[in-house]
Amino acid sequence: MPMICLSDFEAYAKKHLSKTTWDFFAAGADECCTRDENLLAYKRIRFRPRILRDMSVMDTRTTLLGTEISFPVGIAPTGFHRLAWPDGEKSTARAAEAMNTCYITSTFSTCTVEEIAAVAPNGFRWFQLYIHCNRALSERLVRRVEAAGFQGLVLTADLPYTGKRRDDIRNNFQLPPHMTVKHFEGSCSEYGLLPNSIDPSINWNDIYWLQSLTRLPIILKGILTKEDADLAVRHGVQGIIVSNHGGRQLDGGPATIDALIEIVDTVQDRVEVYLDGGIRTGSDVLKALALGAKCVFLGRPALWGLTYKVNEETWGLYVHSFSCSQTLGCHSVSGIGRNLVQVSKL
């Protein structure tokens, strides 16, 4: 059966992955309300389509911090890609390079930054960073990321403690023996999967600490309120990712698309604003862009794609199943604005 939309890839992944792996990828915190709301919130947004606009030529290109990508859909940081495909993050990096989009590599990668850079030397990559209790460990990792040619650091700020994901607890989830978190091999065996090594004391001053280590732009991930968006700008970050960690951290928080408007209005173009969470169709992409996101990032769908017959051609079909090909009467991404949508108050 041909794969024509993301739900096809999701069904394939659920069928072919082990239950423990599927549960880990699909998990949300507690009752999974926020995870599910990320999807449902898009249903409350309606288009205001324009007609007779000569759509014979369309341009889906955009830029992230000055770097051009072919369409405004990137790959969000997710861990443990080798659970889905033997080549893991190396396949993800090759696909992102082939599609000319941004791939945010996770701290909890099962391939190293050096391996990823080697297989996709011309790729556009950012690196997602947690600040660990062992600051020297984090500092060494930043140095490696810079040396491997990554172009940005995505500081994830919404995980002082790991969320309570019930299926992972029931399954006693852990990586299989042949697989490791590659960036911490040879560090301290006490880290294991590192659930307790992330520094819970992280605060706004740590952005200054991170800026002292690197000249890479810093993008702050995990913003859900206008107050924190304003603080992020005042602390000198170059970008914000509106994110609730795919609903995996705090159950009962807002859907990211619902949080987007107040954040965009607060930031007022002082930094670029991106979004992840719940994007499943080209229409979802358009709604997020219309409400002010510069680009969206996909997490779980990338893992579903890895589970399928992975190669660059397949990824091309996969990416275009949710690409921004419908431009709603706009010839280019830059023409998509808030006048093209209305948000229901359901």
C-alpha atoms as a PDB file:
ATOM      1  CA  MET A   1       0.000   0.000   0.000  1.00  0.00           C
ATOM      2  CA  PRO A   2       1.450   3.417  -0.923  1.00  0.00           C
ATOM      3  CA  MET A   3       2.315   5.896   1.809  1.00  0.00           C
ATOM      4  CA  ILE A   4       0.418   9.107   1.085  1.00  0.00           C
ATOM      5  CA  CYS A   5       0.050  10.866   4.443  1.00  0.00           C
ATOM      6  CA  LEU A   6       1.591  10.864   7.912  1.00  0.00           C
ATOM      7  CA  SER A   7      -1.055   8.610   9.410  1.00  0.00           C
ATOM      8  CA  ASP A   8       0.103   5.898   6.966  1.00  0.00           C
ATOM      9  CA  PHE A   9       3.659   6.156   8.288  1.00  0.00           C
ATOM     10  CA  GLU A  10       2.377   6.199  11.862  1.00  0.00           C
ATOM     11  CA  ALA A  11       0.356   3.011  11.317  1.00  0.00           C
ATOM     12  CA  TYR A  12       3.362   1.317   9.712  1.00  0.00           C
ATOM     13  CA  ALA A  13       5.610   2.250  12.612  1.00  0.00           C
ATOM     14  CA  LYS A  14       3.121   1.058  15.221  1.00  0.00           C
ATOM     15  CA  LYS A  15       2.847  -2.290  13.444  1.00  0.00           C
ATOM     16  CA  HIS A  16       6.581  -2.876  12.977  1.00  0.00           C
ATOM     17  CA  LEU A  17       8.181  -1.443  16.118  1.00  0.00           C
ATOM     18  CA  SER A  18       8.280  -3.386  19.359  1.00  0.00           C
ATOM     19  CA  LYS A  19       5.601  -2.400  21.856  1.00  0.00           C
ATOM     20  CA  THR A  20       8.199  -0.989  24.245  1.00  0.00           C
ATOM     21  CA  THR A  21       9.756   1.184  21.534  1.00  0.00           C
ATOM     22  CA  TRP A  22       6.403   2.330  20.189  1.00  0.00           C
ATOM     23  CA  ASP A  23       5.220   3.243  23.684  1.00  0.00           C
ATOM     24  CA  PHE A  24       8.412   5.239  24.273  1.00  0.00           C
ATOM     25  CA  PHE A  25       8.036   7.210  21.041  1.00  0.00           C
ATOM     26  CA  ALA A  26       4.294   7.770  21.484  1.00  0.00           C
ATOM     27  CA  ALA A  27       4.299   8.512  25.213  1.00  0.00           C
ATOM     28  CA  GLY A  28       2.880  11.630  26.795  1.00  0.00           C
ATOM     29  CA  ALA A  29       3.077  12.688  30.418  1.00  0.00           C
ATOM     30  CA  ASP A  30       0.484  11.331  32.853  1.00  0.00           C
ATOM     31  CA  GLU A  31      -2.916  11.130  31.071  1.00  0.00           C
ATOM     32  CA  CYS A  32      -1.506  12.433  27.747  1.00  0.00           C
ATOM     33  CA  CYS A  33      -3.975  15.345  27.631  1.00  0.00           C
ATOM     34  CA  THR A  34      -1.407  17.873  26.436  1.00  0.00           C
ATOM     35  CA  ARG A  35       0.029  15.447  23.881  1.00  0.00           C
ATOM     36  CA  ASP A  36      -3.443  14.945  22.401  1.00  0.00           C
ATOM     37  CA  GLU A  37      -4.372  18.631  22.637  1.00  0.00           C
ATOM     38  CA  ASN A  38      -1.394  19.492  20.445  1.00  0.00           C
ATOM     39  CA  LEU A  39      -3.240  17.711  17.640  1.00  0.00           C
ATOM     40  CA  LEU A  40      -6.788  18.782  18.457  1.00  0.00           C
ATOM     41  CA  ALA A  41      -5.994  22.485  18.727  1.00  0.00           C
ATOM     42  CA  TYR A  42      -5.418  22.754  14.974  1.00  0.00           C
ATOM     43  CA  LYS A  43      -9.048  21.732  14.379  1.00  0.00           C
ATOM     44  CA  ARG A  44     -10.209  24.993  15.971  1.00  0.00           C
ATOM     45  CA  ILE A  45      -8.395  27.086  13.363  1.00  0.00           C
ATOM     46  CA  ARG A  46     -10.118  27.811  10.051  1.00  0.00           C
ATOM     47  CA  PHE A  47      -8.719  29.244   6.840  1.00  0.00           C
ATOM     48  CA  ARG A  48      -9.867  32.409   5.100  1.00  0.00           C
ATOM     49  CA  PRO A  49      -8.789  31.417   1.588  1.00  0.00           C
ATOM     50  CA  ARG A  50      -8.211  33.947  -1.169  1.00  0.00           C
ATOM     51  CA  ILE A  51      -8.987  33.121  -4.791  1.00  0.00           C
ATOM     52  CA  LEU A  52      -7.932  34.134  -8.328  1.00  0.00           C
ATOM     53  CA  ARG A  53      -4.368  34.848  -7.260  1.00  0.00           C
ATOM     54  CA  ASP A  54      -2.422  33.198 -10.139  1.00  0.00           C
ATOM     55  CA  MET A  55      -0.848  30.261  -8.314  1.00  0.00           C
ATOM     56  CA  SER A  56       1.129  28.995 -11.320  1.00  0.00           C
ATOM     57  CA  VAL A  57       4.440  29.741  -9.579  1.00  0.00           C
ATOM     58  CA  MET A  58       4.971  29.100  -5.865  1.00  0.00           C
ATOM     59  CA  ASP A  59       8.014  29.477  -3.644  1.00  0.00           C
ATOM     60  CA  THR A  60       8.186  27.523  -0.361  1.00  0.00           C
ATOM     61  CA  ARG A  61      11.690  28.662   0.621  1.00  0.00           C
ATOM     62  CA  THR A  62      12.408  30.449   3.872  1.00  0.00           C
ATOM     63  CA  THR A  63      15.408  31.240   6.073  1.00  0.00           C
ATOM     64  CA  LEU A  64      16.388  30.311   9.614  1.00  0.00           C
ATOM     65  CA  LEU A  65      18.767  32.846  11.142  1.00  0.00           C
ATOM     66  CA  GLY A  66      19.897  33.753   7.641  1.00  0.00           C
ATOM     67  CA  THR A  67      20.316  30.225   6.253  1.00  0.00           C
ATOM     68  CA  GLU A  68      17.965  29.301   3.436  1.00  0.00           C
ATOM     69  CA  ILE A  69      15.971  26.064   3.591  1.00  0.00           C
ATOM     70  CA  SER A  70      13.717  24.671   0.902  1.00  0.00           C
ATOM     71  CA  PHE A  71      10.487  24.743   2.922  1.00  0.00           C
ATOM     72  CA  PRO A  72       9.504  25.790   6.484  1.00  0.00           C
ATOM     73  CA  VAL A  73       9.484  22.301   8.003  1.00  0.00           C
ATOM     74  CA  GLY A  74      12.467  21.025   9.985  1.00  0.00           C
ATOM     75  CA  ILE A  75      13.226  17.959  12.087  1.00  0.00           C
ATOM     76  CA  ALA A  76      12.848  18.424  15.843  1.00  0.00           C
ATOM     77  CA  PRO A  77      15.229  16.826  18.353  1.00  0.00           C
ATOM     78  CA  THR A  78      14.215  13.309  19.358  1.00  0.00           C
ATOM     79  CA  GLY A  79      16.397  10.690  20.988  1.00  0.00           C
ATOM     80  CA  PHE A  80      17.425   7.140  20.191  1.00  0.00           C
ATOM     81  CA  HIS A  81      16.861   6.989  16.421  1.00  0.00           C
ATOM     82  CA  ARG A  82      18.548   3.606  16.169  1.00  0.00           C
ATOM     83  CA  LEU A  83      15.497   2.147  17.917  1.00  0.00           C
ATOM     84  CA  ALA A  84      13.661   2.901  14.670  1.00  0.00           C
ATOM     85  CA  TRP A  85      16.391   2.176  12.071  1.00  0.00           C
ATOM     86  CA  PRO A  86      19.898   0.683  12.337  1.00  0.00           C
ATOM     87  CA  ASP A  87      21.640   3.764  10.918  1.00  0.00           C
ATOM     88  CA  GLY A  88      19.708   5.976  13.301  1.00  0.00           C
ATOM     89  CA  GLU A  89      20.536   9.672  13.261  1.00  0.00           C
ATOM     90  CA  LYS A  90      22.889   9.207  10.320  1.00  0.00           C
ATOM     91  CA  SER A  91      19.908   8.399   8.101  1.00  0.00           C
ATOM     92  CA  THR A  92      18.003  11.373   9.499  1.00  0.00           C
ATOM     93  CA  ALA A  93      20.932  13.687   8.763  1.00  0.00           C
ATOM     94  CA  ARG A  94      21.332  12.389   5.195  1.00  0.00           C
ATOM     95  CA  ALA A  95      17.636  12.903   4.523  1.00  0.00           C
ATOM     96  CA  ALA A  96      17.631  16.432   5.943  1.00  0.00           C
ATOM     97  CA  GLU A  97      20.638  17.311   3.809  1.00  0.00           C
ATOM     98  CA  ALA A  98      18.974  15.886   0.692  1.00  0.00           C
ATOM     99  CA  MET A  99      15.808  17.875   1.390  1.00  0.00           C
ATOM    100  CA  ASN A 100      17.732  21.041   2.329  1.00  0.00           C
ATOM    101  CA  THR A 101      16.099  21.550   5.682  1.00  0.00           C
ATOM    102  CA  CYS A 102      17.224  21.920   9.290  1.00  0.00           C
ATOM    103  CA  TYR A 103      17.817  18.895  11.510  1.00  0.00           C
ATOM    104  CA  ILE A 104      18.135  19.445  15.260  1.00  0.00           C
ATOM    105  CA  THR A 105      20.219  16.585  16.657  1.00  0.00           C
ATOM    106  CA  SER A 106      19.357  15.423  20.170  1.00  0.00           C
ATOM    107  CA  THR A 107      21.736  15.232  23.104  1.00  0.00           C
ATOM    108  CA  PHE A 108      20.357  11.699  23.501  1.00  0.00           C
ATOM    109  CA  SER A 109      21.502  10.598  20.068  1.00  0.00           C
ATOM    110  CA  THR A 110      22.591   7.040  19.323  1.00  0.00           C
ATOM    111  CA  CYS A 111      25.145   8.387  16.824  1.00  0.00           C
ATOM    112  CA  THR A 112      27.826  10.966  17.606  1.00  0.00           C
ATOM    113  CA  VAL A 113      27.927  14.491  16.225  1.00  0.00           C
ATOM    114  CA  GLU A 114      31.099  13.510  14.382  1.00  0.00           C
ATOM    115  CA  GLU A 115      29.389  10.537  12.712  1.00  0.00           C
ATOM    116  CA  ILE A 116      26.409  12.672  11.757  1.00  0.00           C
ATOM    117  CA  ALA A 117      28.591  15.409  10.268  1.00  0.00           C
ATOM    118  CA  ALA A 118      30.615  12.868   8.298  1.00  0.00           C
ATOM    119  CA  VAL A 119      27.613  11.360   6.484  1.00  0.00           C
ATOM    120  CA  ALA A 120      25.973  14.710   5.694  1.00  0.00           C
ATOM    121  CA  PRO A 121      28.848  17.201   5.447  1.00  0.00           C
ATOM    122  CA  ASN A 122      26.760  19.893   3.770  1.00  0.00           C
ATOM    123  CA  GLY A 123      23.721  19.581   6.010  1.00  0.00           C
ATOM    124  CA  PHE A 124      22.180  22.412   8.003  1.00  0.00           C
ATOM    125  CA  ARG A 125      22.167  21.246  11.615  1.00  0.00           C
ATOM    126  CA  TRP A 126      21.536  22.624  15.067  1.00  0.00           C
ATOM    127  CA  PHE A 127      22.279  20.703  18.257  1.00  0.00           C
ATOM    128  CA  GLN A 128      19.808  20.320  21.107  1.00  0.00           C
ATOM    129  CA  LEU A 129      21.526  20.706  24.466  1.00  0.00           C
ATOM    130  CA  TYR A 130      20.637  19.946  28.058  1.00  0.00           C
ATOM    131  CA  ILE A 131      22.777  21.478  30.775  1.00  0.00           C
ATOM    132  CA  HIS A 132      24.024  18.680  33.000  1.00  0.00           C
ATOM    133  CA  CYS A 133      24.982  18.636  36.636  1.00  0.00           C
ATOM    134  CA  ASN A 134      28.482  17.892  35.396  1.00  0.00           C
ATOM    135  CA  ARG A 135      29.092  21.220  33.663  1.00  0.00           C
ATOM    136  CA  ALA A 136      32.405  20.030  32.262  1.00  0.00           C
ATOM    137  CA  LEU A 137      30.466  17.339  30.393  1.00  0.00           C
ATOM    138  CA  SER A 138      28.203  19.959  28.826  1.00  0.00           C
ATOM    139  CA  GLU A 139      31.131  22.196  27.975  1.00  0.00           C
ATOM    140  CA  ARG A 140      32.998  19.372  26.220  1.00  0.00           C
ATOM    141  CA  LEU A 141      29.881  18.564  24.248  1.00  0.00           C
ATOM    142  CA  VAL A 142      29.512  22.168  23.097  1.00  0.00           C
ATOM    143  CA  ARG A 143      33.137  22.123  21.902  1.00  0.00           C
ATOM    144  CA  ARG A 144      32.496  18.922  19.941  1.00  0.00           C
ATOM    145  CA  VAL A 145      29.344  20.382  18.378  1.00  0.00           C
ATOM    146  CA  GLU A 146      31.254  23.458  17.230  1.00  0.00           C
ATOM    147  CA  ALA A 147      34.132  21.399  15.855  1.00  0.00           C
ATOM    148  CA  ALA A 148      31.682  19.200  13.910  1.00  0.00           C
ATOM    149  CA  GLY A 149      30.299  22.236  12.113  1.00  0.00           C
ATOM    150  CA  PHE A 150      26.860  22.538  13.686  1.00  0.00           C
ATOM    151  CA  GLN A 151      25.369  25.996  13.159  1.00  0.00           C
ATOM    152  CA  GLY A 152      23.282  26.557  16.299  1.00  0.00           C
ATOM    153  CA  LEU A 153      22.572  25.402  19.857  1.00  0.00           C
ATOM    154  CA  VAL A 154      19.026  24.641  20.935  1.00  0.00           C
ATOM    155  CA  LEU A 155      18.870  24.850  24.722  1.00  0.00           C
ATOM    156  CA  THR A 156      15.970  22.789  26.043  1.00  0.00           C
ATOM    157  CA  ALA A 157      14.738  24.510  29.180  1.00  0.00           C
ATOM    158  CA  ASP A 158      11.576  22.623  30.144  1.00  0.00           C
ATOM    159  CA  LEU A 159      13.098  19.490  31.644  1.00  0.00           C
ATOM    160  CA  PRO A 160      14.399  20.086  35.178  1.00  0.00           C
ATOM    161  CA  TYR A 161      13.073  16.586  35.875  1.00  0.00           C
ATOM    162  CA  THR A 162      11.883  13.875  33.522  1.00  0.00           C
ATOM    163  CA  GLY A 163       8.116  13.784  32.987  1.00  0.00           C
ATOM    164  CA  LYS A 164       6.100  10.867  34.302  1.00  0.00           C
ATOM    165  CA  ARG A 165       5.378   8.694  31.285  1.00  0.00           C
ATOM    166  CA  ARG A 166       3.339   5.807  32.565  1.00  0.00           C
ATOM    167  CA  ASP A 167       3.947   3.334  29.744  1.00  0.00           C
ATOM    168  CA  ASP A 168       7.723   3.755  30.074  1.00  0.00           C
ATOM    169  CA  ILE A 169       7.446   2.990  33.777  1.00  0.00           C
ATOM    170  CA  ARG A 170       5.254  -0.053  33.146  1.00  0.00           C
ATOM    171  CA  ASN A 171       7.631  -1.296  30.440  1.00  0.00           C
ATOM    172  CA  ASN A 172      10.766  -0.489  32.461  1.00  0.00           C
ATOM    173  CA  PHE A 173      12.051   1.181  29.308  1.00  0.00           C
ATOM    174  CA  GLN A 174      15.783   1.137  28.681  1.00  0.00           C
ATOM    175  CA  LEU A 175      18.024   0.987  25.651  1.00  0.00           C
ATOM    176  CA  PRO A 176      18.989  -2.481  24.435  1.00  0.00           C
ATOM    177  CA  PRO A 177      22.515  -3.610  25.434  1.00  0.00           C
ATOM    178  CA  HIS A 178      24.045  -2.962  21.990  1.00  0.00           C
ATOM    179  CA  MET A 179      22.889   0.662  21.962  1.00  0.00           C
ATOM    180  CA  THR A 180      24.209   3.652  23.921  1.00  0.00           C
ATOM    181  CA  VAL A 181      23.788   7.388  24.280  1.00  0.00           C
ATOM    182  CA  LYS A 182      26.867   8.015  22.161  1.00  0.00           C
ATOM    183  CA  HIS A 183      27.781  11.456  23.426  1.00  0.00           C
ATOM    184  CA  PHE A 184      28.395  10.120  26.922  1.00  0.00           C
ATOM    185  CA  GLU A 185      30.260   6.912  26.203  1.00  0.00           C
ATOM    186  CA  GLY A 186      33.237   6.650  28.501  1.00  0.00           C
ATOM    187  CA  SER A 187      31.984   9.374  30.825  1.00  0.00           C
ATOM    188  CA  CYS A 188      30.527   8.055  34.066  1.00  0.00           C
ATOM    189  CA  SER A 189      28.620   4.794  34.188  1.00  0.00           C
ATOM    190  CA  GLU A 190      26.334   6.391  36.752  1.00  0.00           C
ATOM    191  CA  TYR A 191      24.695   8.406  33.978  1.00  0.00           C
ATOM    192  CA  GLY A 192      23.029   5.448  32.262  1.00  0.00           C
ATOM    193  CA  LEU A 193      20.225   7.049  30.226  1.00  0.00           C
ATOM    194  CA  LEU A 194      20.967  10.302  32.060  1.00  0.00           C
ATOM    195  CA  PRO A 195      17.490  10.889  33.527  1.00  0.00           C
ATOM    196  CA  ASN A 196      18.955  12.309  36.724  1.00  0.00           C
ATOM    197  CA  SER A 197      21.998  14.061  35.308  1.00  0.00           C
ATOM    198  CA  ILE A 198      20.231  17.146  33.928  1.00  0.00           C
ATOM    199  CA  ASP A 199      20.805  20.059  36.269  1.00  0.00           C
ATOM    200  CA  PRO A 200      17.483  20.984  37.956  1.00  0.00           C
ATOM    201  CA  SER A 201      18.954  24.285  39.148  1.00  0.00           C
ATOM    202  CA  ILE A 202      19.185  25.676  35.609  1.00  0.00           C
ATOM    203  CA  ASN A 203      17.998  29.297  35.460  1.00  0.00           C
ATOM    204  CA  TRP A 204      18.147  32.365  33.228  1.00  0.00           C
ATOM    205  CA  ASN A 205      21.745  33.135  34.208  1.00  0.00           C
ATOM    206  CA  ASP A 206      22.816  29.868  32.588  1.00  0.00           C
ATOM    207  CA  ILE A 207      22.103  31.411  29.197  1.00  0.00           C
ATOM    208  CA  TYR A 208      24.942  33.834  29.916  1.00  0.00           C
ATOM    209  CA  TRP A 209      27.140  30.893  30.938  1.00  0.00           C
ATOM    210  CA  LEU A 210      26.377  29.146  27.677  1.00  0.00           C
ATOM    211  CA  GLN A 211      27.031  32.309  25.685  1.00  0.00           C
ATOM    212  CA  SER A 212      30.455  32.509  27.328  1.00  0.00           C
ATOM    213  CA  LEU A 213      31.315  29.083  25.879  1.00  0.00           C
ATOM    214  CA  THR A 214      30.304  29.560  22.268  1.00  0.00           C
ATOM    215  CA  ARG A 215      29.710  31.980  19.455  1.00  0.00           C
ATOM    216  CA  LEU A 216      26.966  29.786  18.027  1.00  0.00           C
ATOM    217  CA  PRO A 217      23.483  31.309  18.068  1.00  0.00           C
ATOM    218  CA  ILE A 218      21.343  30.058  20.960  1.00  0.00           C
ATOM    219  CA  ILE A 219      17.737  29.063  20.378  1.00  0.00           C
ATOM    220  CA  LEU A 220      15.653  28.496  23.522  1.00  0.00           C
ATOM    221  CA  LYS A 221      13.226  25.574  23.367  1.00  0.00           C
ATOM    222  CA  GLY A 222      10.293  25.079  25.720  1.00  0.00           C
ATOM    223  CA  ILE A 223       8.716  28.561  25.806  1.00  0.00           C
ATOM    224  CA  LEU A 224       4.922  28.606  26.366  1.00  0.00           C
ATOM    225  CA  THR A 225       4.176  32.042  27.858  1.00  0.00           C
ATOM    226  CA  LYS A 226       4.643  35.659  26.856  1.00  0.00           C
ATOM    227  CA  GLU A 227       6.507  36.319  30.100  1.00  0.00           C
ATOM    228  CA  ASP A 228       9.185  33.750  29.350  1.00  0.00           C
ATOM    229  CA  ALA A 229       9.344  34.845  25.719  1.00  0.00           C
ATOM    230  CA  ASP A 230      10.156  38.372  26.854  1.00  0.00           C
ATOM    231  CA  LEU A 231      12.793  37.088  29.282  1.00  0.00           C
ATOM    232  CA  ALA A 232      14.345  35.013  26.512  1.00  0.00           C
ATOM    233  CA  VAL A 233      14.705  38.059  24.280  1.00  0.00           C
ATOM    234  CA  ARG A 234      16.167  40.126  27.125  1.00  0.00           C
ATOM    235  CA  HIS A 235      18.743  37.401  27.786  1.00  0.00           C
ATOM    236  CA  GLY A 236      19.997  37.576  24.229  1.00  0.00           C
ATOM    237  CA  VAL A 237      18.828  34.370  22.578  1.00  0.00           C
ATOM    238  CA  GLN A 238      18.511  34.413  18.797  1.00  0.00           C
ATOM    239  CA  GLY A 239      15.410  32.247  18.513  1.00  0.00           C
ATOM    240  CA  ILE A 240      12.540  30.675  20.457  1.00  0.00           C
ATOM    241  CA  ILE A 241      10.906  27.300  19.892  1.00  0.00           C
ATOM    242  CA  VAL A 242       7.371  27.267  21.244  1.00  0.00           C
ATOM    243  CA  SER A 243       7.286  23.714  22.582  1.00  0.00           C
ATOM    244  CA  ASN A 244       5.722  21.581  25.296  1.00  0.00           C
ATOM    245  CA  HIS A 245       8.112  18.684  24.636  1.00  0.00           C
ATOM    246  CA  GLY A 246       5.462  16.870  22.608  1.00  0.00           C
ATOM    247  CA  GLY A 247       3.311  16.679  25.731  1.00  0.00           C
ATOM    248  CA  ARG A 248       5.927  14.433  27.350  1.00  0.00           C
ATOM    249  CA  GLN A 249       6.784  16.692  30.286  1.00  0.00           C
ATOM    250  CA  LEU A 250       3.850  18.543  31.861  1.00  0.00           C
ATOM    251  CA  ASP A 251       0.304  17.316  31.383  1.00  0.00           C
ATOM    252  CA  GLY A 252      -2.234  20.126  31.490  1.00  0.00           C
ATOM    253  CA  GLY A 253      -0.191  22.760  29.698  1.00  0.00           C
ATOM    254  CA  PRO A 254      -1.366  24.540  26.555  1.00  0.00           C
ATOM    255  CA  ALA A 255      -1.148  23.206  23.050  1.00  0.00           C
ATOM    256  CA  THR A 256       1.762  24.890  21.344  1.00  0.00           C
ATOM    257  CA  ILE A 257      -0.368  26.416  18.584  1.00  0.00           C
ATOM    258  CA  ASP A 258      -2.558  28.010  21.272  1.00  0.00           C
ATOM    259  CA  ALA A 259       0.491  29.495  23.000  1.00  0.00           C
ATOM    260  CA  LEU A 260       1.988  30.820  19.777  1.00  0.00           C
ATOM    261  CA  ILE A 261      -0.045  34.004  19.294  1.00  0.00           C
ATOM    262  CA  GLU A 262       0.799  35.691  22.603  1.00  0.00           C
ATOM    263  CA  ILE A 263       4.466  34.804  22.176  1.00  0.00           C
ATOM    264  CA  VAL A 264       4.659  36.203  18.651  1.00  0.00           C
ATOM    265  CA  ASP A 265       2.866  39.372  19.769  1.00  0.00           C
ATOM    266  CA  THR A 266       5.272  39.796  22.677  1.00  0.00           C
ATOM    267  CA  VAL A 267       8.442  39.153  20.694  1.00  0.00           C
ATOM    268  CA  GLN A 268       7.480  41.574  17.901  1.00  0.00           C
ATOM    269  CA  ASP A 269      10.148  40.357  15.449  1.00  0.00           C
ATOM    270  CA  ARG A 270      13.012  40.854  17.916  1.00  0.00           C
ATOM    271  CA  VAL A 271      13.913  37.158  17.487  1.00  0.00           C
ATOM    272  CA  GLU A 272      12.674  34.394  15.226  1.00  0.00           C
ATOM    273  CA  VAL A 273       9.890  32.202  16.621  1.00  0.00           C
ATOM    274  CA  TYR A 274       9.496  28.534  15.685  1.00  0.00           C
ATOM    275  CA  LEU A 275       7.038  25.854  16.833  1.00  0.00           C
ATOM    276  CA  ASP A 276       6.828  22.113  17.338  1.00  0.00           C
ATOM    277  CA  GLY A 277       4.042  19.831  18.518  1.00  0.00           C
ATOM    278  CA  GLY A 278       1.067  18.353  16.677  1.00  0.00           C
ATOM    279  CA  ILE A 279       2.015  19.183  13.070  1.00  0.00           C
ATOM    280  CA  ARG A 280       0.623  16.402  10.882  1.00  0.00           C
ATOM    281  CA  THR A 281      -0.532  17.984   7.597  1.00  0.00           C
ATOM    282  CA  GLY A 282       0.393  20.755   5.203  1.00  0.00           C
ATOM    283  CA  SER A 283      -2.649  22.607   6.519  1.00  0.00           C
ATOM    284  CA  ASP A 284      -1.203  22.478  10.046  1.00  0.00           C
ATOM    285  CA  VAL A 285       2.035  23.967   8.726  1.00  0.00           C
ATOM    286  CA  LEU A 286       0.128  26.812   7.094  1.00  0.00           C
ATOM    287  CA  LYS A 287      -1.864  27.544  10.241  1.00  0.00           C
ATOM    288  CA  ALA A 288       1.299  27.768  12.324  1.00  0.00           C
ATOM    289  CA  LEU A 289       2.962  30.065   9.778  1.00  0.00           C
ATOM    290  CA  ALA A 290      -0.132  32.247   9.535  1.00  0.00           C
ATOM    291  CA  LEU A 291      -0.092  32.712  13.315  1.00  0.00           C
ATOM    292  CA  GLY A 292       3.515  33.842  13.256  1.00  0.00           C
ATOM    293  CA  ALA A 293       5.864  30.850  13.317  1.00  0.00           C
ATOM    294  CA  LYS A 294       8.893  31.244  11.050  1.00  0.00           C
ATOM    295  CA  CYS A 295       9.233  27.444  10.723  1.00  0.00           C
ATOM    296  CA  VAL A 296       7.802  24.313  12.305  1.00  0.00           C
ATOM    297  CA  PHE A 297       9.650  21.228  13.501  1.00  0.00           C
ATOM    298  CA  LEU A 298       8.413  17.633  13.567  1.00  0.00           C
ATOM    299  CA  GLY A 299       9.431  15.077  16.175  1.00  0.00           C
ATOM    300  CA  ARG A 300       7.484  11.825  16.235  1.00  0.00           C
ATOM    301  CA  PRO A 301       6.754  11.840  12.461  1.00  0.00           C
ATOM    302  CA  ALA A 302      10.485  11.736  11.751  1.00  0.00           C
ATOM    303  CA  LEU A 303      10.725   8.586  13.841  1.00  0.00           C
ATOM    304  CA  TRP A 304       7.832   7.009  11.980  1.00  0.00           C
ATOM    305  CA  GLY A 305       9.596   7.754   8.717  1.00  0.00           C
ATOM    306  CA  LEU A 306      12.783   6.133   9.964  1.00  0.00           C
ATOM    307  CA  THR A 307      10.844   2.940  10.652  1.00  0.00           C
ATOM    308  CA  TYR A 308       9.839   2.739   6.989  1.00  0.00           C
ATOM    309  CA  LYS A 309      12.178   1.873   4.075  1.00  0.00           C
ATOM    310  CA  VAL A 310      14.615   4.676   4.687  1.00  0.00           C
ATOM    311  CA  ASN A 311      16.465   6.350   1.853  1.00  0.00           C
ATOM    312  CA  GLU A 312      16.611   9.872   0.517  1.00  0.00           C
ATOM    313  CA  GLU A 313      13.963   9.198  -2.141  1.00  0.00           C
ATOM    314  CA  THR A 314      11.542   7.821   0.422  1.00  0.00           C
ATOM    315  CA  TRP A 315      12.195  10.764   2.702  1.00  0.00           C
ATOM    316  CA  GLY A 316      11.402  13.059  -0.193  1.00  0.00           C
ATOM    317  CA  LEU A 317       7.954  11.505  -0.548  1.00  0.00           C
ATOM    318  CA  TYR A 318       7.542  11.520   3.218  1.00  0.00           C
ATOM    319  CA  VAL A 319       8.471  15.162   3.657  1.00  0.00           C
ATOM    320  CA  HIS A 320       6.213  16.267   0.832  1.00  0.00           C
ATOM    321  CA  SER A 321       3.286  14.434   2.432  1.00  0.00           C
ATOM    322  CA  PHE A 322       3.209  17.281   4.962  1.00  0.00           C
ATOM    323  CA  SER A 323       5.083  20.004   3.089  1.00  0.00           C
ATOM    324  CA  CYS A 324       3.814  23.523   2.646  1.00  0.00           C
ATOM    325  CA  SER A 325       2.649  22.942  -0.935  1.00  0.00           C
ATOM    326  CA  GLN A 326      -0.731  24.569  -0.411  1.00  0.00           C
ATOM    327  CA  THR A 327      -0.115  28.282  -0.163  1.00  0.00           C
ATOM    328  CA  LEU A 328      -3.715  29.393   0.366  1.00  0.00           C
ATOM    329  CA  GLY A 329      -3.614  32.153  -2.182  1.00  0.00           C
ATOM    330  CA  CYS A 330      -0.039  33.122  -1.302  1.00  0.00           C
ATOM    331  CA  HIS A 331       2.766  32.787  -3.811  1.00  0.00           C
ATOM    332  CA  SER A 332       5.456  32.483  -1.171  1.00  0.00           C
ATOM    333  CA  VAL A 333       5.942  31.698   2.503  1.00  0.00           C
ATOM    334  CA  SER A 334       6.549  35.374   3.206  1.00  0.00           C
ATOM    335  CA  GLY A 335       3.009  36.163   2.086  1.00  0.00           C
ATOM    336  CA  ILE A 336       1.347  33.943   4.680  1.00  0.00           C
ATOM    337  CA  GLY A 337      -0.156  36.112   7.426  1.00  0.00           C
ATOM    338  CA  ARG A 338      -2.708  36.132  10.219  1.00  0.00           C
ATOM    339  CA  ASN A 339      -5.415  37.482   7.886  1.00  0.00           C
ATOM    340  CA  LEU A 340      -5.586  34.010   6.318  1.00  0.00           C
ATOM    341  CA  VAL A 341      -6.921  32.259   9.438  1.00  0.00           C
ATOM    342  CA  GLN A 342      -9.536  32.635  12.133  1.00  0.00           C
ATOM    343  CA  VAL A 343      -9.239  30.946  15.521  1.00  0.00           C
ATOM    344  CA  SER A 344     -12.384  29.478  17.047  1.00  0.00           C
ATOM    345  CA  LYS A 345     -13.031  29.955  20.768  1.00  0.00           C
ATOM    346  CA  LEU A 346     -14.360  26.422  21.289  1.00  0.00           C
END
